[in-house]
Amino acid sequence: RQSFVFGLGGGVIGDISGFVAAVYHRGIPHVQIPTTLLAMVDSSIGGKTGVNTRDGKNLIGVVHHPSLVIDDIDVLKTLPRREFNQGFAEIIKHAIVADGRMFKLLRSWKTRSPRRPLALQRLIRRNIEIKSKIVARDERDATGERAILNFGHTVGHAIERAGDYRKFLHGEALSLGIIAACAISIKRTGLSPDERDAIVSLLRQFELPTTLPKNFRRGKVFDALKFDKKFEGGKVRFVVTPRIGAAQVATNVTLADIRAAIEDL
């Protein structure tokens, strides 16, 4: 019980090591050392740990906050471009749901030199602040406030599963999920088409996908939704955005809405 578990790696390593730390001797300290941009800005924060099964992502897990998180941005220099860029999907998500100013900052981000140390350090710190504040107000999803962090994830997780967790990186699937969520937001919360277009443009700026391949079976994505934890008693808890910088959980989203959004990807 005097030991602790190090999680050195990306989001999967952090999730697994955190889960092991949570259940070993009923809980020992966990130290996260994320080595990907996505893990630094998202998965290393909030205490959600878990393992994937054939039925879906994170269906087995516990909340176990790390005792320490060490972010060293120098390790990001070693990331392949595709792996680095997928981290911006979570950053853009944070901007959409909670920080319109950061969204504007990202639009002027120099994509030819995206790994500038000081700018990247400030960006990572801001994302940590955003997620930490939301988690602190609703640590265990009791009030629904933390649920806004799931923006884009309902369809995103289904796309990952439909692609057998190999075709798309998490950030790439999230990017597509964000597009679907924007389509539903236009219909259900009055998101303006201009703001939707700005979101699409920003995702493309960081080389993230905004459409599914033509030969990718949309029906397979819709079928994968049944494994989502956010479907309760046949009802859909879907996160939408009325405008950039804000988000809410909608209860008036139908399965037909989601199917249409997936078909349009």
C-alpha atoms as a PDB file:
ATOM      1  CA  ARG A   1       0.000   0.000   0.000  1.00  0.00           C
ATOM      2  CA  GLN A   2       3.033   2.284   0.205  1.00  0.00           C
ATOM      3  CA  SER A   3       3.628   1.846  -3.530  1.00  0.00           C
ATOM      4  CA  PHE A   4       2.231   3.887  -6.395  1.00  0.00           C
ATOM      5  CA  VAL A   5       1.549   3.299 -10.064  1.00  0.00           C
ATOM      6  CA  PHE A   6       3.216   5.338 -12.812  1.00  0.00           C
ATOM      7  CA  GLY A   7       1.308   5.856 -16.046  1.00  0.00           C
ATOM      8  CA  LEU A   8       3.863   6.933 -18.656  1.00  0.00           C
ATOM      9  CA  GLY A   9       2.266   7.209 -22.091  1.00  0.00           C
ATOM     10  CA  GLY A  10      -0.889   8.287 -23.857  1.00  0.00           C
ATOM     11  CA  GLY A  11      -4.529   8.125 -22.878  1.00  0.00           C
ATOM     12  CA  VAL A  12      -4.868   4.346 -22.957  1.00  0.00           C
ATOM     13  CA  ILE A  13      -1.851   3.900 -20.684  1.00  0.00           C
ATOM     14  CA  GLY A  14      -3.214   6.534 -18.319  1.00  0.00           C
ATOM     15  CA  ASP A  15      -6.641   4.882 -18.195  1.00  0.00           C
ATOM     16  CA  ILE A  16      -5.277   1.391 -17.578  1.00  0.00           C
ATOM     17  CA  SER A  17      -2.661   2.437 -15.018  1.00  0.00           C
ATOM     18  CA  GLY A  18      -5.251   4.539 -13.193  1.00  0.00           C
ATOM     19  CA  PHE A  19      -7.668   1.624 -13.096  1.00  0.00           C
ATOM     20  CA  VAL A  20      -4.963  -0.674 -11.711  1.00  0.00           C
ATOM     21  CA  ALA A  21      -4.059   1.917  -9.071  1.00  0.00           C
ATOM     22  CA  ALA A  22      -7.723   2.252  -8.100  1.00  0.00           C
ATOM     23  CA  VAL A  23      -8.381  -1.454  -7.560  1.00  0.00           C
ATOM     24  CA  TYR A  24      -5.017  -2.674  -6.236  1.00  0.00           C
ATOM     25  CA  HIS A  25      -5.275  -2.921  -2.423  1.00  0.00           C
ATOM     26  CA  ARG A  26      -8.532  -0.944  -2.836  1.00  0.00           C
ATOM     27  CA  GLY A  27      -6.586   2.043  -4.079  1.00  0.00           C
ATOM     28  CA  ILE A  28      -2.996   3.254  -4.161  1.00  0.00           C
ATOM     29  CA  PRO A  29      -1.615   6.566  -5.499  1.00  0.00           C
ATOM     30  CA  HIS A  30      -1.465   7.091  -9.245  1.00  0.00           C
ATOM     31  CA  VAL A  31       1.055   9.339 -11.006  1.00  0.00           C
ATOM     32  CA  GLN A  32       0.264  10.357 -14.579  1.00  0.00           C
ATOM     33  CA  ILE A  33       3.046  11.331 -16.995  1.00  0.00           C
ATOM     34  CA  PRO A  34       1.181  11.917 -20.264  1.00  0.00           C
ATOM     35  CA  THR A  35       3.249  11.834 -23.440  1.00  0.00           C
ATOM     36  CA  THR A  36       0.603  12.926 -25.967  1.00  0.00           C
ATOM     37  CA  LEU A  37      -1.111  16.264 -26.418  1.00  0.00           C
ATOM     38  CA  LEU A  38      -4.532  14.648 -26.076  1.00  0.00           C
ATOM     39  CA  ALA A  39      -3.609  13.056 -22.756  1.00  0.00           C
ATOM     40  CA  MET A  40      -2.125  16.308 -21.429  1.00  0.00           C
ATOM     41  CA  VAL A  41      -5.202  18.411 -22.165  1.00  0.00           C
ATOM     42  CA  ASP A  42      -7.899  15.856 -21.435  1.00  0.00           C
ATOM     43  CA  SER A  43      -7.554  12.246 -20.326  1.00  0.00           C
ATOM     44  CA  SER A  44      -4.991  12.835 -17.548  1.00  0.00           C
ATOM     45  CA  ILE A  45      -7.432  15.228 -15.844  1.00  0.00           C
ATOM     46  CA  GLY A  46     -10.629  14.313 -14.038  1.00  0.00           C
ATOM     47  CA  GLY A  47      -9.922  10.924 -12.513  1.00  0.00           C
ATOM     48  CA  LYS A  48     -11.924   8.786 -14.929  1.00  0.00           C
ATOM     49  CA  THR A  49     -10.115   5.500 -15.451  1.00  0.00           C
ATOM     50  CA  GLY A  50     -11.252   2.387 -17.227  1.00  0.00           C
ATOM     51  CA  VAL A  51     -10.728  -0.360 -19.732  1.00  0.00           C
ATOM     52  CA  ASN A  52     -12.413  -1.020 -23.053  1.00  0.00           C
ATOM     53  CA  THR A  53     -14.354  -4.151 -23.908  1.00  0.00           C
ATOM     54  CA  ARG A  54     -15.735  -5.493 -27.160  1.00  0.00           C
ATOM     55  CA  ASP A  55     -19.030  -3.840 -26.243  1.00  0.00           C
ATOM     56  CA  GLY A  56     -17.673  -0.309 -25.931  1.00  0.00           C
ATOM     57  CA  LYS A  57     -15.270   2.176 -24.403  1.00  0.00           C
ATOM     58  CA  ASN A  58     -14.775   2.663 -20.672  1.00  0.00           C
ATOM     59  CA  LEU A  59     -17.699   0.447 -19.667  1.00  0.00           C
ATOM     60  CA  ILE A  60     -15.570  -0.896 -16.800  1.00  0.00           C
ATOM     61  CA  GLY A  61     -13.891   1.759 -14.680  1.00  0.00           C
ATOM     62  CA  VAL A  62     -13.775   3.915 -11.578  1.00  0.00           C
ATOM     63  CA  VAL A  63     -13.082   7.531 -10.646  1.00  0.00           C
ATOM     64  CA  HIS A  64      -9.587   7.662  -9.154  1.00  0.00           C
ATOM     65  CA  HIS A  65      -7.821  11.016  -9.332  1.00  0.00           C
ATOM     66  CA  PRO A  66      -4.060  11.024  -9.896  1.00  0.00           C
ATOM     67  CA  SER A  67      -1.953  12.221  -6.990  1.00  0.00           C
ATOM     68  CA  LEU A  68       0.337  13.981  -9.442  1.00  0.00           C
ATOM     69  CA  VAL A  69       0.356  14.807 -13.150  1.00  0.00           C
ATOM     70  CA  ILE A  70       3.649  15.699 -14.827  1.00  0.00           C
ATOM     71  CA  ASP A  71       3.435  17.375 -18.244  1.00  0.00           C
ATOM     72  CA  ASP A  72       6.701  17.760 -20.161  1.00  0.00           C
ATOM     73  CA  ILE A  73       5.998  19.395 -23.508  1.00  0.00           C
ATOM     74  CA  ASP A  74       9.416  18.385 -24.836  1.00  0.00           C
ATOM     75  CA  VAL A  75       8.082  14.862 -25.386  1.00  0.00           C
ATOM     76  CA  LEU A  76       5.545  16.263 -27.850  1.00  0.00           C
ATOM     77  CA  LYS A  77       8.393  16.930 -30.286  1.00  0.00           C
ATOM     78  CA  THR A  78       8.586  13.185 -30.888  1.00  0.00           C
ATOM     79  CA  LEU A  79       4.918  12.753 -31.828  1.00  0.00           C
ATOM     80  CA  PRO A  80       3.952  12.016 -35.438  1.00  0.00           C
ATOM     81  CA  ARG A  81       1.957  14.867 -36.984  1.00  0.00           C
ATOM     82  CA  ARG A  82      -1.283  12.860 -37.050  1.00  0.00           C
ATOM     83  CA  GLU A  83      -0.970  11.934 -33.359  1.00  0.00           C
ATOM     84  CA  PHE A  84      -0.141  15.514 -32.396  1.00  0.00           C
ATOM     85  CA  ASN A  85      -3.039  16.980 -34.372  1.00  0.00           C
ATOM     86  CA  GLN A  86      -5.625  14.657 -32.848  1.00  0.00           C
ATOM     87  CA  GLY A  87      -5.036  16.368 -29.508  1.00  0.00           C
ATOM     88  CA  PHE A  88      -6.497  19.550 -30.956  1.00  0.00           C
ATOM     89  CA  ALA A  89      -9.891  17.870 -31.251  1.00  0.00           C
ATOM     90  CA  GLU A  90     -10.203  17.882 -27.448  1.00  0.00           C
ATOM     91  CA  ILE A  91      -8.811  21.427 -27.300  1.00  0.00           C
ATOM     92  CA  ILE A  92     -11.374  22.627 -29.843  1.00  0.00           C
ATOM     93  CA  LYS A  93     -14.089  20.791 -27.907  1.00  0.00           C
ATOM     94  CA  HIS A  94     -13.119  22.661 -24.728  1.00  0.00           C
ATOM     95  CA  ALA A  95     -13.259  25.952 -26.629  1.00  0.00           C
ATOM     96  CA  ILE A  96     -16.706  25.167 -28.054  1.00  0.00           C
ATOM     97  CA  VAL A  97     -18.259  24.231 -24.709  1.00  0.00           C
ATOM     98  CA  ALA A  98     -16.537  26.693 -22.386  1.00  0.00           C
ATOM     99  CA  ASP A  99     -14.202  29.301 -23.897  1.00  0.00           C
ATOM    100  CA  GLY A 100     -15.078  31.421 -26.914  1.00  0.00           C
ATOM    101  CA  ARG A 101     -11.873  33.444 -26.508  1.00  0.00           C
ATOM    102  CA  MET A 102      -9.749  30.328 -26.861  1.00  0.00           C
ATOM    103  CA  PHE A 103     -11.705  29.442 -29.996  1.00  0.00           C
ATOM    104  CA  LYS A 104     -10.680  32.783 -31.534  1.00  0.00           C
ATOM    105  CA  LEU A 105      -7.074  32.194 -30.446  1.00  0.00           C
ATOM    106  CA  LEU A 106      -7.029  28.810 -32.157  1.00  0.00           C
ATOM    107  CA  ARG A 107      -8.258  30.327 -35.417  1.00  0.00           C
ATOM    108  CA  SER A 108      -5.093  32.439 -35.517  1.00  0.00           C
ATOM    109  CA  TRP A 109      -2.825  29.557 -34.433  1.00  0.00           C
ATOM    110  CA  LYS A 110       0.156  29.119 -36.734  1.00  0.00           C
ATOM    111  CA  THR A 111      -0.314  25.585 -37.960  1.00  0.00           C
ATOM    112  CA  ARG A 112       3.047  25.639 -39.739  1.00  0.00           C
ATOM    113  CA  SER A 113       4.773  25.861 -36.365  1.00  0.00           C
ATOM    114  CA  PRO A 114       2.174  24.466 -33.929  1.00  0.00           C
ATOM    115  CA  ARG A 115       4.707  23.154 -31.410  1.00  0.00           C
ATOM    116  CA  ARG A 116       6.061  26.524 -30.251  1.00  0.00           C
ATOM    117  CA  PRO A 117       6.977  25.809 -26.610  1.00  0.00           C
ATOM    118  CA  LEU A 118       5.630  28.899 -24.829  1.00  0.00           C
ATOM    119  CA  ALA A 119       2.400  29.124 -26.817  1.00  0.00           C
ATOM    120  CA  LEU A 120       1.807  25.397 -26.445  1.00  0.00           C
ATOM    121  CA  GLN A 121       2.510  25.548 -22.722  1.00  0.00           C
ATOM    122  CA  ARG A 122      -0.070  28.314 -22.257  1.00  0.00           C
ATOM    123  CA  LEU A 123      -2.603  26.433 -24.360  1.00  0.00           C
ATOM    124  CA  ILE A 124      -2.175  23.226 -22.367  1.00  0.00           C
ATOM    125  CA  ARG A 125      -2.460  25.135 -19.083  1.00  0.00           C
ATOM    126  CA  ARG A 126      -5.686  26.806 -20.211  1.00  0.00           C
ATOM    127  CA  ASN A 127      -7.236  23.459 -21.156  1.00  0.00           C
ATOM    128  CA  ILE A 128      -6.257  21.988 -17.799  1.00  0.00           C
ATOM    129  CA  GLU A 129      -7.976  24.945 -16.107  1.00  0.00           C
ATOM    130  CA  ILE A 130     -11.156  24.519 -18.142  1.00  0.00           C
ATOM    131  CA  LYS A 131     -11.542  20.817 -17.506  1.00  0.00           C
ATOM    132  CA  SER A 132     -10.458  20.999 -13.854  1.00  0.00           C
ATOM    133  CA  LYS A 133     -13.057  23.658 -13.031  1.00  0.00           C
ATOM    134  CA  ILE A 134     -15.862  21.685 -14.654  1.00  0.00           C
ATOM    135  CA  VAL A 135     -14.806  18.449 -12.950  1.00  0.00           C
ATOM    136  CA  ALA A 136     -14.501  20.167  -9.553  1.00  0.00           C
ATOM    137  CA  ARG A 137     -18.144  21.252  -9.762  1.00  0.00           C
ATOM    138  CA  ASP A 138     -19.441  17.797 -10.714  1.00  0.00           C
ATOM    139  CA  GLU A 139     -16.800  15.173  -9.993  1.00  0.00           C
ATOM    140  CA  ARG A 140     -18.991  12.091 -10.399  1.00  0.00           C
ATOM    141  CA  ASP A 141     -21.516  13.254 -12.996  1.00  0.00           C
ATOM    142  CA  ALA A 142     -24.113  13.808 -10.263  1.00  0.00           C
ATOM    143  CA  THR A 143     -25.549  17.123 -11.488  1.00  0.00           C
ATOM    144  CA  GLY A 144     -24.953  16.736 -15.205  1.00  0.00           C
ATOM    145  CA  GLU A 145     -22.597  19.706 -15.414  1.00  0.00           C
ATOM    146  CA  ARG A 146     -19.604  17.489 -16.179  1.00  0.00           C
ATOM    147  CA  ALA A 147     -21.593  15.975 -19.033  1.00  0.00           C
ATOM    148  CA  ILE A 148     -20.823  18.955 -21.288  1.00  0.00           C
ATOM    149  CA  LEU A 149     -17.321  17.506 -21.610  1.00  0.00           C
ATOM    150  CA  ASN A 150     -18.963  14.700 -23.605  1.00  0.00           C
ATOM    151  CA  PHE A 151     -19.708  17.088 -26.472  1.00  0.00           C
ATOM    152  CA  GLY A 152     -19.027  15.192 -29.691  1.00  0.00           C
ATOM    153  CA  HIS A 153     -18.335  11.941 -27.869  1.00  0.00           C
ATOM    154  CA  THR A 154     -21.678  10.185 -28.336  1.00  0.00           C
ATOM    155  CA  VAL A 155     -21.227   9.855 -32.090  1.00  0.00           C
ATOM    156  CA  GLY A 156     -17.429   9.937 -31.776  1.00  0.00           C
ATOM    157  CA  HIS A 157     -17.302   6.799 -29.638  1.00  0.00           C
ATOM    158  CA  ALA A 158     -19.724   5.065 -32.003  1.00  0.00           C
ATOM    159  CA  ILE A 159     -17.453   5.897 -34.941  1.00  0.00           C
ATOM    160  CA  GLU A 160     -14.454   4.491 -33.082  1.00  0.00           C
ATOM    161  CA  ARG A 161     -16.319   1.267 -32.407  1.00  0.00           C
ATOM    162  CA  ALA A 162     -17.642   1.022 -35.959  1.00  0.00           C
ATOM    163  CA  GLY A 163     -14.053   1.366 -37.152  1.00  0.00           C
ATOM    164  CA  ASP A 164     -12.941  -1.439 -34.813  1.00  0.00           C
ATOM    165  CA  TYR A 165     -10.822   1.087 -32.861  1.00  0.00           C
ATOM    166  CA  ARG A 166      -8.264   0.980 -35.683  1.00  0.00           C
ATOM    167  CA  LYS A 167      -9.491   3.176 -38.503  1.00  0.00           C
ATOM    168  CA  PHE A 168      -9.728   6.413 -36.509  1.00  0.00           C
ATOM    169  CA  LEU A 169      -7.705   7.855 -33.653  1.00  0.00           C
ATOM    170  CA  HIS A 170      -9.840   9.098 -30.770  1.00  0.00           C
ATOM    171  CA  GLY A 171      -9.367  12.748 -31.726  1.00  0.00           C
ATOM    172  CA  GLU A 172     -10.286  12.020 -35.336  1.00  0.00           C
ATOM    173  CA  ALA A 173     -13.491  10.248 -34.314  1.00  0.00           C
ATOM    174  CA  LEU A 174     -14.241  13.098 -31.905  1.00  0.00           C
ATOM    175  CA  SER A 175     -13.831  15.605 -34.734  1.00  0.00           C
ATOM    176  CA  LEU A 176     -16.507  13.772 -36.704  1.00  0.00           C
ATOM    177  CA  GLY A 177     -18.657  13.549 -33.576  1.00  0.00           C
ATOM    178  CA  ILE A 178     -18.364  17.313 -33.158  1.00  0.00           C
ATOM    179  CA  ILE A 179     -19.638  17.826 -36.710  1.00  0.00           C
ATOM    180  CA  ALA A 180     -22.636  15.600 -35.962  1.00  0.00           C
ATOM    181  CA  ALA A 181     -23.284  17.418 -32.670  1.00  0.00           C
ATOM    182  CA  CYS A 182     -23.209  20.754 -34.497  1.00  0.00           C
ATOM    183  CA  ALA A 183     -25.802  19.534 -37.003  1.00  0.00           C
ATOM    184  CA  ILE A 184     -28.075  18.522 -34.135  1.00  0.00           C
ATOM    185  CA  SER A 185     -27.358  21.797 -32.309  1.00  0.00           C
ATOM    186  CA  ILE A 186     -28.535  23.796 -35.326  1.00  0.00           C
ATOM    187  CA  LYS A 187     -31.840  21.921 -35.223  1.00  0.00           C
ATOM    188  CA  ARG A 188     -32.379  21.761 -31.462  1.00  0.00           C
ATOM    189  CA  THR A 189     -30.665  24.795 -29.893  1.00  0.00           C
ATOM    190  CA  GLY A 190     -30.377  27.347 -32.667  1.00  0.00           C
ATOM    191  CA  LEU A 191     -26.634  27.177 -33.281  1.00  0.00           C
ATOM    192  CA  SER A 192     -26.039  29.448 -36.249  1.00  0.00           C
ATOM    193  CA  PRO A 193     -24.817  27.894 -39.509  1.00  0.00           C
ATOM    194  CA  ASP A 194     -22.018  30.486 -39.541  1.00  0.00           C
ATOM    195  CA  GLU A 195     -20.693  29.249 -36.206  1.00  0.00           C
ATOM    196  CA  ARG A 196     -21.014  25.657 -37.407  1.00  0.00           C
ATOM    197  CA  ASP A 197     -18.950  26.600 -40.453  1.00  0.00           C
ATOM    198  CA  ALA A 198     -16.329  28.229 -38.213  1.00  0.00           C
ATOM    199  CA  ILE A 199     -16.065  25.000 -36.204  1.00  0.00           C
ATOM    200  CA  VAL A 200     -15.703  22.919 -39.373  1.00  0.00           C
ATOM    201  CA  SER A 201     -13.011  25.287 -40.644  1.00  0.00           C
ATOM    202  CA  LEU A 202     -11.067  25.100 -37.382  1.00  0.00           C
ATOM    203  CA  LEU A 203     -11.108  21.306 -37.331  1.00  0.00           C
ATOM    204  CA  ARG A 204      -9.817  21.260 -40.905  1.00  0.00           C
ATOM    205  CA  GLN A 205      -7.140  23.778 -39.958  1.00  0.00           C
ATOM    206  CA  PHE A 206      -5.632  21.097 -37.734  1.00  0.00           C
ATOM    207  CA  GLU A 207      -6.041  18.411 -40.414  1.00  0.00           C
ATOM    208  CA  LEU A 208      -8.866  16.670 -38.579  1.00  0.00           C
ATOM    209  CA  PRO A 209     -11.556  14.810 -40.559  1.00  0.00           C
ATOM    210  CA  THR A 210     -14.947  16.437 -41.036  1.00  0.00           C
ATOM    211  CA  THR A 211     -16.535  13.791 -43.268  1.00  0.00           C
ATOM    212  CA  LEU A 212     -16.609  10.004 -43.163  1.00  0.00           C
ATOM    213  CA  PRO A 213     -15.133   8.059 -46.096  1.00  0.00           C
ATOM    214  CA  LYS A 214     -17.801   7.347 -48.718  1.00  0.00           C
ATOM    215  CA  ASN A 215     -17.424   3.588 -48.292  1.00  0.00           C
ATOM    216  CA  PHE A 216     -17.763   3.723 -44.488  1.00  0.00           C
ATOM    217  CA  ARG A 217     -21.068   2.187 -43.407  1.00  0.00           C
ATOM    218  CA  ARG A 218     -23.092   4.862 -41.601  1.00  0.00           C
ATOM    219  CA  GLY A 219     -25.532   2.239 -40.364  1.00  0.00           C
ATOM    220  CA  LYS A 220     -22.729   0.545 -38.462  1.00  0.00           C
ATOM    221  CA  VAL A 221     -22.096   3.798 -36.591  1.00  0.00           C
ATOM    222  CA  PHE A 222     -25.761   4.125 -35.649  1.00  0.00           C
ATOM    223  CA  ASP A 223     -25.861   0.506 -34.485  1.00  0.00           C
ATOM    224  CA  ALA A 224     -22.867   1.167 -32.213  1.00  0.00           C
ATOM    225  CA  LEU A 225     -24.799   3.847 -30.317  1.00  0.00           C
ATOM    226  CA  LYS A 226     -26.657   1.221 -28.289  1.00  0.00           C
ATOM    227  CA  PHE A 227     -23.476   0.615 -26.288  1.00  0.00           C
ATOM    228  CA  ASP A 228     -23.210   4.258 -25.215  1.00  0.00           C
ATOM    229  CA  LYS A 229     -23.520   4.882 -21.465  1.00  0.00           C
ATOM    230  CA  LYS A 230     -25.473   8.092 -22.097  1.00  0.00           C
ATOM    231  CA  PHE A 231     -28.533   6.201 -23.342  1.00  0.00           C
ATOM    232  CA  GLU A 232     -30.751   5.534 -20.343  1.00  0.00           C
ATOM    233  CA  GLY A 233     -34.146   3.869 -20.538  1.00  0.00           C
ATOM    234  CA  GLY A 234     -34.362   4.556 -24.247  1.00  0.00           C
ATOM    235  CA  LYS A 235     -33.790   8.283 -23.686  1.00  0.00           C
ATOM    236  CA  VAL A 236     -30.885  10.209 -25.151  1.00  0.00           C
ATOM    237  CA  ARG A 237     -28.806  12.641 -23.097  1.00  0.00           C
ATOM    238  CA  PHE A 238     -27.098  14.528 -25.899  1.00  0.00           C
ATOM    239  CA  VAL A 239     -24.720  17.456 -25.436  1.00  0.00           C
ATOM    240  CA  VAL A 240     -25.388  20.376 -27.761  1.00  0.00           C
ATOM    241  CA  THR A 241     -24.059  23.909 -28.159  1.00  0.00           C
ATOM    242  CA  PRO A 242     -26.292  26.961 -28.677  1.00  0.00           C
ATOM    243  CA  ARG A 243     -23.212  29.080 -29.467  1.00  0.00           C
ATOM    244  CA  ILE A 244     -19.438  28.815 -29.346  1.00  0.00           C
ATOM    245  CA  GLY A 245     -18.359  29.022 -25.701  1.00  0.00           C
ATOM    246  CA  ALA A 246     -21.422  27.337 -24.192  1.00  0.00           C
ATOM    247  CA  ALA A 247     -22.995  23.884 -24.013  1.00  0.00           C
ATOM    248  CA  GLN A 248     -25.923  22.095 -22.415  1.00  0.00           C
ATOM    249  CA  VAL A 249     -27.460  18.654 -22.144  1.00  0.00           C
ATOM    250  CA  ALA A 250     -30.555  18.343 -24.313  1.00  0.00           C
ATOM    251  CA  THR A 251     -33.372  15.895 -23.691  1.00  0.00           C
ATOM    252  CA  ASN A 252     -35.294  16.671 -26.888  1.00  0.00           C
ATOM    253  CA  VAL A 253     -32.788  15.032 -29.244  1.00  0.00           C
ATOM    254  CA  THR A 254     -34.267  12.003 -30.980  1.00  0.00           C
ATOM    255  CA  LEU A 255     -32.632   8.930 -32.445  1.00  0.00           C
ATOM    256  CA  ALA A 256     -33.862  10.194 -35.810  1.00  0.00           C
ATOM    257  CA  ASP A 257     -31.873  13.407 -35.254  1.00  0.00           C
ATOM    258  CA  ILE A 258     -28.740  11.410 -34.540  1.00  0.00           C
ATOM    259  CA  ARG A 259     -29.270   9.081 -37.487  1.00  0.00           C
ATOM    260  CA  ALA A 260     -29.684  12.050 -39.845  1.00  0.00           C
ATOM    261  CA  ALA A 261     -26.519  13.703 -38.504  1.00  0.00           C
ATOM    262  CA  ILE A 262     -24.549  10.485 -39.027  1.00  0.00           C
ATOM    263  CA  GLU A 263     -25.921  10.016 -42.549  1.00  0.00           C
ATOM    264  CA  ASP A 264     -24.772  13.551 -43.420  1.00  0.00           C
ATOM    265  CA  LEU A 265     -21.176  12.965 -42.302  1.00  0.00           C
END
